[in-house]
């Protein structure tokens, strides 16, 4: 099982000796834990998680969520199809005339920034969805003019 000790230490630009002392082990042992040549003892794993302020699950590579709070929040990437469907439906079913897509995106961007666990990839897909829906809407209205 791969752990994230090395990754966390590098993120904080810490020396092995600093981390080893903080979690109560020697530097050679930390090196073995980081390389995976030794399995993490439970007490070392708990001390390490506390030191780096992450969940044990994250430290041990069992979760991609750094904290338990983040893991329990809904994954808003699952909302993407519903959001895009709502945008497309609104643009197709309403006679809303000229759409200032930049204004719409500004409002949605601000909203998306406040949604926990939404990845940048999902935000980009939503923006692309708005643009595509707007192109479809503009194209259909240009054909009927």
N, C-alpha and C. Protein backbone atom coordinates (compact mmCIF):
# COMPACT_ATOMS: atom_id res chain seq x y z
N UNK A 1 0.85 -1.18 0.00
CA UNK A 1 0.00 0.00 0.00
C UNK A 1 0.90 1.24 0.00
N UNK A 2 0.65 2.13 -0.94
CA UNK A 2 1.44 3.34 -1.05
C UNK A 2 0.86 4.41 -0.14
N UNK A 3 1.76 5.11 0.56
CA UNK A 3 1.31 6.21 1.40
C UNK A 3 1.77 7.53 0.79
N UNK A 4 1.30 8.61 1.34
CA UNK A 4 1.57 9.94 0.79
C UNK A 4 2.55 10.75 1.63
N UNK A 5 3.31 10.12 2.46
CA UNK A 5 4.24 10.85 3.32
C UNK A 5 5.19 11.74 2.52
N UNK A 6 5.82 11.18 1.52
CA UNK A 6 6.79 11.95 0.73
C UNK A 6 6.11 13.14 0.04
N UNK A 7 4.96 12.88 -0.55
CA UNK A 7 4.22 13.95 -1.24
C UNK A 7 3.88 15.10 -0.27
N UNK A 8 3.40 14.77 0.90
CA UNK A 8 3.04 15.79 1.89
C UNK A 8 4.27 16.54 2.38
N UNK A 9 5.35 15.83 2.58
CA UNK A 9 6.59 16.48 3.03
C UNK A 9 7.11 17.43 1.96
N UNK A 10 7.07 17.01 0.71
CA UNK A 10 7.54 17.87 -0.38
C UNK A 10 6.67 19.10 -0.56
N UNK A 11 5.35 18.93 -0.40
CA UNK A 11 4.42 20.06 -0.51
C UNK A 11 4.80 21.18 0.46
N UNK A 12 5.21 20.80 1.65
CA UNK A 12 5.54 21.79 2.68
C UNK A 12 7.02 22.12 2.70
N UNK A 13 7.78 21.56 1.75
CA UNK A 13 9.22 21.80 1.64
C UNK A 13 9.94 21.53 2.96
N UNK A 14 9.61 20.40 3.55
CA UNK A 14 10.22 20.02 4.84
C UNK A 14 11.32 19.01 4.62
N UNK A 15 12.30 19.04 5.49
CA UNK A 15 13.39 18.07 5.47
C UNK A 15 12.93 16.80 6.17
N UNK A 16 13.52 15.69 5.78
CA UNK A 16 13.17 14.41 6.41
C UNK A 16 13.41 14.46 7.91
N UNK A 17 14.50 15.09 8.32
CA UNK A 17 14.81 15.14 9.75
C UNK A 17 13.74 15.89 10.53
N UNK A 18 13.18 16.95 9.92
CA UNK A 18 12.12 17.72 10.60
C UNK A 18 10.88 16.88 10.80
N UNK A 19 10.45 16.22 9.72
CA UNK A 19 9.24 15.41 9.79
C UNK A 19 9.44 14.22 10.73
N UNK A 20 10.59 13.56 10.60
CA UNK A 20 10.86 12.40 11.44
C UNK A 20 10.78 12.77 12.92
N UNK A 21 11.40 13.89 13.29
CA UNK A 21 11.37 14.32 14.69
C UNK A 21 9.95 14.65 15.13
N UNK A 22 9.19 15.29 14.26
CA UNK A 22 7.82 15.71 14.61
C UNK A 22 6.89 14.52 14.82
N UNK A 23 7.11 13.43 14.08
CA UNK A 23 6.21 12.28 14.21
C UNK A 23 6.79 11.17 15.09
N UNK A 24 7.97 11.42 15.64
CA UNK A 24 8.52 10.51 16.65
C UNK A 24 9.28 9.31 16.13
N UNK A 25 9.94 9.44 14.99
CA UNK A 25 10.75 8.34 14.46
C UNK A 25 12.09 8.91 13.98
N UNK A 26 12.99 8.03 13.60
CA UNK A 26 14.27 8.46 13.05
C UNK A 26 14.16 8.69 11.55
N UNK A 27 15.10 9.45 11.02
CA UNK A 27 15.10 9.78 9.60
C UNK A 27 15.25 8.54 8.71
N UNK A 28 16.09 7.55 9.09
CA UNK A 28 16.17 6.34 8.25
C UNK A 28 14.83 5.60 8.15
N UNK A 29 14.08 5.59 9.26
CA UNK A 29 12.78 4.92 9.24
C UNK A 29 11.80 5.68 8.36
N UNK A 30 11.82 7.01 8.43
CA UNK A 30 10.95 7.82 7.57
C UNK A 30 11.27 7.53 6.10
N UNK A 31 12.52 7.43 5.79
CA UNK A 31 12.93 7.12 4.42
C UNK A 31 12.34 5.78 3.96
N UNK A 32 12.38 4.79 4.83
CA UNK A 32 11.82 3.47 4.49
C UNK A 32 10.30 3.55 4.32
N UNK A 33 9.64 4.34 5.17
CA UNK A 33 8.19 4.51 5.02
C UNK A 33 7.86 5.22 3.71
N UNK A 34 8.62 6.26 3.39
CA UNK A 34 8.36 7.02 2.17
C UNK A 34 8.57 6.18 0.91
N UNK A 35 9.55 5.32 0.93
CA UNK A 35 9.82 4.49 -0.25
C UNK A 35 8.95 3.25 -0.31
N UNK A 36 8.29 2.95 0.79
CA UNK A 36 7.44 1.77 0.83
C UNK A 36 8.17 0.49 1.17
N UNK A 37 9.45 0.62 1.55
CA UNK A 37 10.19 -0.60 1.90
C UNK A 37 9.80 -1.11 3.29
N UNK A 38 9.16 -0.26 4.09
CA UNK A 38 8.59 -0.67 5.38
C UNK A 38 7.15 -0.20 5.45
N UNK A 39 6.32 -1.01 6.09
CA UNK A 39 4.92 -0.63 6.26
C UNK A 39 4.78 0.31 7.44
N UNK A 40 3.91 1.30 7.27
CA UNK A 40 3.66 2.27 8.33
C UNK A 40 3.06 1.59 9.56
N UNK A 41 3.63 1.87 10.71
CA UNK A 41 3.01 1.43 11.96
C UNK A 41 1.80 2.33 12.22
N UNK A 42 0.84 1.82 12.94
CA UNK A 42 -0.38 2.56 13.22
C UNK A 42 -0.07 3.88 13.94
N UNK A 43 0.77 3.83 14.97
CA UNK A 43 1.06 5.05 15.73
C UNK A 43 1.75 6.10 14.86
N UNK A 44 2.61 5.67 13.95
CA UNK A 44 3.30 6.60 13.05
C UNK A 44 2.30 7.18 12.05
N UNK A 45 1.40 6.36 11.56
CA UNK A 45 0.38 6.84 10.63
C UNK A 45 -0.51 7.89 11.30
N UNK A 46 -0.94 7.63 12.53
CA UNK A 46 -1.78 8.58 13.26
C UNK A 46 -1.01 9.88 13.50
N UNK A 47 0.22 9.79 13.97
CA UNK A 47 1.04 10.99 14.20
C UNK A 47 1.26 11.78 12.91
N UNK A 48 1.48 11.07 11.83
CA UNK A 48 1.72 11.73 10.53
C UNK A 48 0.47 12.44 10.04
N UNK A 49 -0.68 11.78 10.16
CA UNK A 49 -1.94 12.40 9.74
C UNK A 49 -2.21 13.66 10.54
N UNK A 50 -1.97 13.59 11.84
CA UNK A 50 -2.17 14.77 12.68
C UNK A 50 -1.18 15.87 12.31
N UNK A 51 0.06 15.52 12.11
CA UNK A 51 1.11 16.49 11.78
C UNK A 51 0.79 17.22 10.48
N UNK A 52 0.35 16.48 9.46
CA UNK A 52 0.06 17.09 8.16
C UNK A 52 -1.40 17.55 8.03
N UNK A 53 -2.18 17.33 9.08
CA UNK A 53 -3.59 17.75 9.11
C UNK A 53 -4.39 17.14 7.96
N UNK A 54 -4.24 15.83 7.79
CA UNK A 54 -5.00 15.10 6.79
C UNK A 54 -5.64 13.88 7.45
N UNK A 55 -6.59 13.28 6.76
CA UNK A 55 -7.21 12.07 7.30
C UNK A 55 -6.27 10.88 7.12
N UNK A 56 -6.45 9.87 7.95
CA UNK A 56 -5.67 8.63 7.80
C UNK A 56 -5.92 8.01 6.43
N UNK A 57 -7.16 8.07 5.97
CA UNK A 57 -7.51 7.51 4.67
C UNK A 57 -6.71 8.17 3.56
N UNK A 58 -6.56 9.49 3.64
CA UNK A 58 -5.78 10.21 2.62
C UNK A 58 -4.31 9.83 2.73
N UNK A 59 -3.78 9.85 3.94
CA UNK A 59 -2.37 9.51 4.14
C UNK A 59 -2.03 8.13 3.60
N UNK A 60 -2.93 7.19 3.78
CA UNK A 60 -2.69 5.82 3.36
C UNK A 60 -3.05 5.56 1.89
N UNK A 61 -3.51 6.59 1.20
CA UNK A 61 -3.85 6.44 -0.21
C UNK A 61 -5.18 5.76 -0.46
N UNK A 62 -6.03 5.72 0.56
CA UNK A 62 -7.34 5.08 0.43
C UNK A 62 -8.42 6.05 -0.01
N UNK A 63 -8.11 7.33 0.01
CA UNK A 63 -9.07 8.37 -0.37
C UNK A 63 -8.30 9.52 -1.02
N UNK A 64 -8.96 10.22 -1.91
CA UNK A 64 -8.36 11.41 -2.51
C UNK A 64 -8.78 12.69 -1.79
N UNK A 65 -9.59 12.54 -0.74
CA UNK A 65 -10.02 13.68 0.06
C UNK A 65 -9.09 13.84 1.25
N UNK A 66 -8.53 15.02 1.39
CA UNK A 66 -7.56 15.25 2.46
C UNK A 66 -8.19 15.21 3.85
N UNK A 67 -9.44 15.62 3.96
CA UNK A 67 -10.10 15.63 5.27
C UNK A 67 -11.38 14.81 5.19
N UNK A 68 -11.85 14.40 6.34
CA UNK A 68 -13.11 13.66 6.38
C UNK A 68 -14.28 14.55 5.99
N UNK A 69 -14.19 15.85 6.30
CA UNK A 69 -15.25 16.78 5.93
C UNK A 69 -15.39 16.85 4.42
N UNK A 70 -14.27 16.93 3.72
CA UNK A 70 -14.31 16.98 2.26
C UNK A 70 -14.87 15.68 1.69
N UNK A 71 -14.54 14.57 2.30
CA UNK A 71 -15.02 13.28 1.81
C UNK A 71 -16.52 13.14 1.98
N UNK A 72 -17.09 13.75 3.02
CA UNK A 72 -18.52 13.62 3.25
C UNK A 72 -19.36 14.63 2.48
N UNK A 73 -18.71 15.65 1.89
CA UNK A 73 -19.45 16.62 1.08
C UNK A 73 -19.87 15.94 -0.22
N UNK A 74 -21.02 16.34 -0.76
CA UNK A 74 -21.45 15.71 -2.01
C UNK A 74 -20.47 16.03 -3.13
N UNK A 75 -20.31 15.09 -4.04
CA UNK A 75 -19.43 15.30 -5.18
C UNK A 75 -20.23 16.02 -6.26
N UNK A 76 -19.95 17.30 -6.41
CA UNK A 76 -20.75 18.12 -7.30
C UNK A 76 -20.46 17.87 -8.77
N UNK A 77 -19.44 17.07 -9.07
CA UNK A 77 -19.23 16.68 -10.47
C UNK A 77 -20.43 15.89 -10.97
N UNK A 78 -21.15 15.23 -10.05
CA UNK A 78 -22.33 14.47 -10.44
C UNK A 78 -23.46 15.38 -10.93
N UNK A 79 -23.39 16.67 -10.62
CA UNK A 79 -24.43 17.61 -11.01
C UNK A 79 -24.27 18.10 -12.45
N UNK A 80 -23.13 17.83 -13.08
CA UNK A 80 -22.84 18.37 -14.40
C UNK A 80 -23.92 18.08 -15.43
N UNK A 81 -24.36 16.83 -15.60
CA UNK A 81 -25.39 16.60 -16.62
C UNK A 81 -26.66 17.39 -16.38
N UNK A 82 -27.07 17.49 -15.12
CA UNK A 82 -28.29 18.24 -14.81
C UNK A 82 -28.12 19.73 -15.11
N UNK A 83 -26.95 20.28 -14.78
CA UNK A 83 -26.71 21.70 -15.04
C UNK A 83 -26.73 21.96 -16.54
N UNK A 84 -26.02 21.15 -17.31
CA UNK A 84 -25.97 21.35 -18.76
C UNK A 84 -27.35 21.16 -19.40
N UNK A 85 -28.09 20.20 -18.93
CA UNK A 85 -29.44 19.98 -19.45
C UNK A 85 -30.32 21.20 -19.16
N UNK A 86 -30.20 21.73 -17.94
CA UNK A 86 -30.99 22.91 -17.58
C UNK A 86 -30.64 24.11 -18.44
N UNK A 87 -29.37 24.31 -18.70
CA UNK A 87 -28.94 25.42 -19.55
C UNK A 87 -29.50 25.27 -20.95
N UNK A 88 -29.32 24.09 -21.54
CA UNK A 88 -29.79 23.85 -22.91
C UNK A 88 -31.30 24.01 -23.01
N UNK A 89 -32.01 23.46 -22.03
CA UNK A 89 -33.47 23.55 -22.04
C UNK A 89 -33.92 25.00 -21.94
N UNK A 90 -33.29 25.75 -21.05
CA UNK A 90 -33.67 27.16 -20.88
C UNK A 90 -33.45 27.94 -22.17
N UNK A 91 -32.33 27.70 -22.81
CA UNK A 91 -32.05 28.44 -24.04
C UNK A 91 -32.96 28.02 -25.18
N UNK A 92 -33.36 26.76 -25.22
CA UNK A 92 -34.20 26.28 -26.32
C UNK A 92 -35.67 26.63 -26.13
N UNK A 93 -36.16 26.66 -24.90
CA UNK A 93 -37.59 26.80 -24.68
C UNK A 93 -38.06 28.21 -24.38
N UNK A 94 -37.13 29.10 -24.15
CA UNK A 94 -37.53 30.47 -23.81
C UNK A 94 -37.13 31.42 -24.94
N UNK A 95 -38.03 32.31 -25.27
CA UNK A 95 -37.70 33.34 -26.24
C UNK A 95 -37.05 34.47 -25.47
N UNK A 96 -35.75 34.34 -25.24
CA UNK A 96 -35.08 35.31 -24.39
C UNK A 96 -34.25 36.32 -25.16
N UNK A 97 -34.33 36.26 -26.50
CA UNK A 97 -33.63 37.25 -27.31
C UNK A 97 -32.12 37.13 -27.17
N UNK A 98 -31.44 38.26 -27.29
CA UNK A 98 -29.98 38.28 -27.22
C UNK A 98 -29.51 37.83 -25.84
N UNK A 99 -28.54 36.94 -25.83
CA UNK A 99 -28.00 36.45 -24.57
C UNK A 99 -26.59 37.01 -24.40
N UNK A 100 -26.37 37.66 -23.29
CA UNK A 100 -25.02 38.12 -22.97
C UNK A 100 -24.34 36.97 -22.23
N UNK A 101 -23.75 36.07 -23.00
CA UNK A 101 -23.20 34.83 -22.41
C UNK A 101 -22.10 35.14 -21.40
N UNK A 102 -21.32 36.20 -21.62
CA UNK A 102 -20.27 36.54 -20.65
C UNK A 102 -20.88 36.90 -19.30
N UNK A 103 -21.99 37.63 -19.32
CA UNK A 103 -22.65 38.00 -18.06
C UNK A 103 -23.18 36.75 -17.35
N UNK A 104 -23.78 35.86 -18.12
CA UNK A 104 -24.29 34.62 -17.54
C UNK A 104 -23.14 33.82 -16.92
N UNK A 105 -22.04 33.71 -17.67
CA UNK A 105 -20.90 32.94 -17.17
C UNK A 105 -20.26 33.57 -15.94
N UNK A 106 -20.23 34.90 -15.88
CA UNK A 106 -19.70 35.56 -14.68
C UNK A 106 -20.49 35.14 -13.45
N UNK A 107 -21.81 35.16 -13.57
CA UNK A 107 -22.66 34.78 -12.44
C UNK A 107 -22.48 33.31 -12.07
N UNK A 108 -22.43 32.44 -13.08
CA UNK A 108 -22.25 31.03 -12.80
C UNK A 108 -20.85 30.73 -12.29
N UNK A 109 -19.84 31.44 -12.80
CA UNK A 109 -18.47 31.22 -12.33
C UNK A 109 -18.37 31.54 -10.85
N UNK A 110 -18.98 32.64 -10.44
CA UNK A 110 -18.96 33.01 -9.03
C UNK A 110 -19.66 31.94 -8.19
N UNK A 111 -20.75 31.41 -8.71
CA UNK A 111 -21.48 30.36 -8.01
C UNK A 111 -20.65 29.08 -7.94
N UNK A 112 -20.04 28.70 -9.06
CA UNK A 112 -19.26 27.47 -9.10
C UNK A 112 -18.06 27.54 -8.16
N UNK A 113 -17.49 28.72 -7.98
CA UNK A 113 -16.34 28.87 -7.09
C UNK A 113 -16.70 28.60 -5.64
N UNK A 114 -17.98 28.71 -5.31
CA UNK A 114 -18.42 28.49 -3.93
C UNK A 114 -18.89 27.06 -3.69
N UNK A 115 -18.90 26.23 -4.73
CA UNK A 115 -19.36 24.85 -4.60
C UNK A 115 -18.18 23.97 -4.20
N UNK A 116 -18.27 23.25 -3.06
CA UNK A 116 -17.15 22.40 -2.64
C UNK A 116 -17.01 21.19 -3.54
N UNK A 117 -15.79 20.73 -3.71
CA UNK A 117 -15.46 19.51 -4.44
C UNK A 117 -15.74 19.56 -5.94
N UNK A 118 -15.97 20.75 -6.51
CA UNK A 118 -16.15 20.82 -7.95
C UNK A 118 -14.78 21.03 -8.58
N UNK A 119 -14.40 20.13 -9.45
CA UNK A 119 -13.09 20.20 -10.06
C UNK A 119 -13.04 21.29 -11.13
N UNK A 120 -11.83 21.73 -11.45
CA UNK A 120 -11.66 22.71 -12.52
C UNK A 120 -12.14 22.14 -13.84
N UNK A 121 -11.95 20.85 -14.03
CA UNK A 121 -12.41 20.20 -15.26
C UNK A 121 -13.93 20.32 -15.39
N UNK A 122 -14.64 20.10 -14.31
CA UNK A 122 -16.09 20.21 -14.34
C UNK A 122 -16.52 21.65 -14.60
N UNK A 123 -15.85 22.61 -13.96
CA UNK A 123 -16.19 24.01 -14.21
C UNK A 123 -16.00 24.35 -15.69
N UNK A 124 -14.91 23.85 -16.28
CA UNK A 124 -14.65 24.11 -17.70
C UNK A 124 -15.72 23.47 -18.57
N UNK A 125 -16.15 22.27 -18.22
CA UNK A 125 -17.21 21.60 -18.98
C UNK A 125 -18.51 22.39 -18.92
N UNK A 126 -18.80 22.97 -17.77
CA UNK A 126 -20.02 23.78 -17.65
C UNK A 126 -19.91 25.02 -18.54
N UNK A 127 -18.76 25.67 -18.53
CA UNK A 127 -18.56 26.85 -19.38
C UNK A 127 -18.73 26.45 -20.86
N UNK A 128 -18.12 25.34 -21.24
CA UNK A 128 -18.26 24.86 -22.62
C UNK A 128 -19.71 24.54 -22.94
N UNK A 129 -20.42 24.00 -21.96
CA UNK A 129 -21.85 23.70 -22.15
C UNK A 129 -22.65 24.96 -22.40
N UNK A 130 -22.37 26.01 -21.63
CA UNK A 130 -23.04 27.29 -21.85
C UNK A 130 -22.77 27.79 -23.26
N UNK A 131 -21.52 27.76 -23.66
CA UNK A 131 -21.15 28.26 -24.99
C UNK A 131 -21.80 27.45 -26.10
N UNK A 132 -21.81 26.13 -25.95
CA UNK A 132 -22.44 25.27 -26.96
C UNK A 132 -23.94 25.52 -27.02
N UNK A 133 -24.57 25.58 -25.87
CA UNK A 133 -26.01 25.83 -25.84
C UNK A 133 -26.33 27.18 -26.46
N UNK A 134 -25.51 28.18 -26.21
CA UNK A 134 -25.73 29.50 -26.78
C UNK A 134 -25.58 29.47 -28.30
N UNK A 135 -24.57 28.74 -28.80
CA UNK A 135 -24.37 28.63 -30.25
C UNK A 135 -25.57 27.95 -30.90
N UNK A 136 -26.06 26.89 -30.25
CA UNK A 136 -27.24 26.20 -30.78
C UNK A 136 -28.43 27.15 -30.81
N UNK A 137 -28.62 27.86 -29.72
CA UNK A 137 -29.74 28.80 -29.62
C UNK A 137 -29.62 29.87 -30.69
N UNK A 138 -28.44 30.46 -30.82
CA UNK A 138 -28.24 31.53 -31.81
C UNK A 138 -28.42 30.99 -33.22
N UNK A 139 -27.92 29.77 -33.48
CA UNK A 139 -28.07 29.17 -34.80
C UNK A 139 -29.51 28.90 -35.16
N UNK A 140 -30.30 28.37 -34.21
CA UNK A 140 -31.73 28.10 -34.47
C UNK A 140 -32.47 29.39 -34.71
N UNK A 141 -32.17 30.44 -33.97
CA UNK A 141 -32.87 31.70 -34.15
C UNK A 141 -32.47 32.40 -35.44
N UNK A 142 -31.23 32.23 -35.88
CA UNK A 142 -30.79 32.83 -37.15
C UNK A 142 -31.46 32.16 -38.33
N UNK A 143 -31.74 30.84 -38.22
CA UNK A 143 -32.39 30.11 -39.31
C UNK A 143 -33.83 30.53 -39.48
N UNK A 144 -34.50 30.93 -38.39
CA UNK A 144 -35.92 31.28 -38.48
C UNK A 144 -36.12 32.74 -38.81
N UNK A 145 -35.06 33.58 -38.80
CA UNK A 145 -35.20 35.02 -39.08
C UNK A 145 -35.45 35.28 -40.54
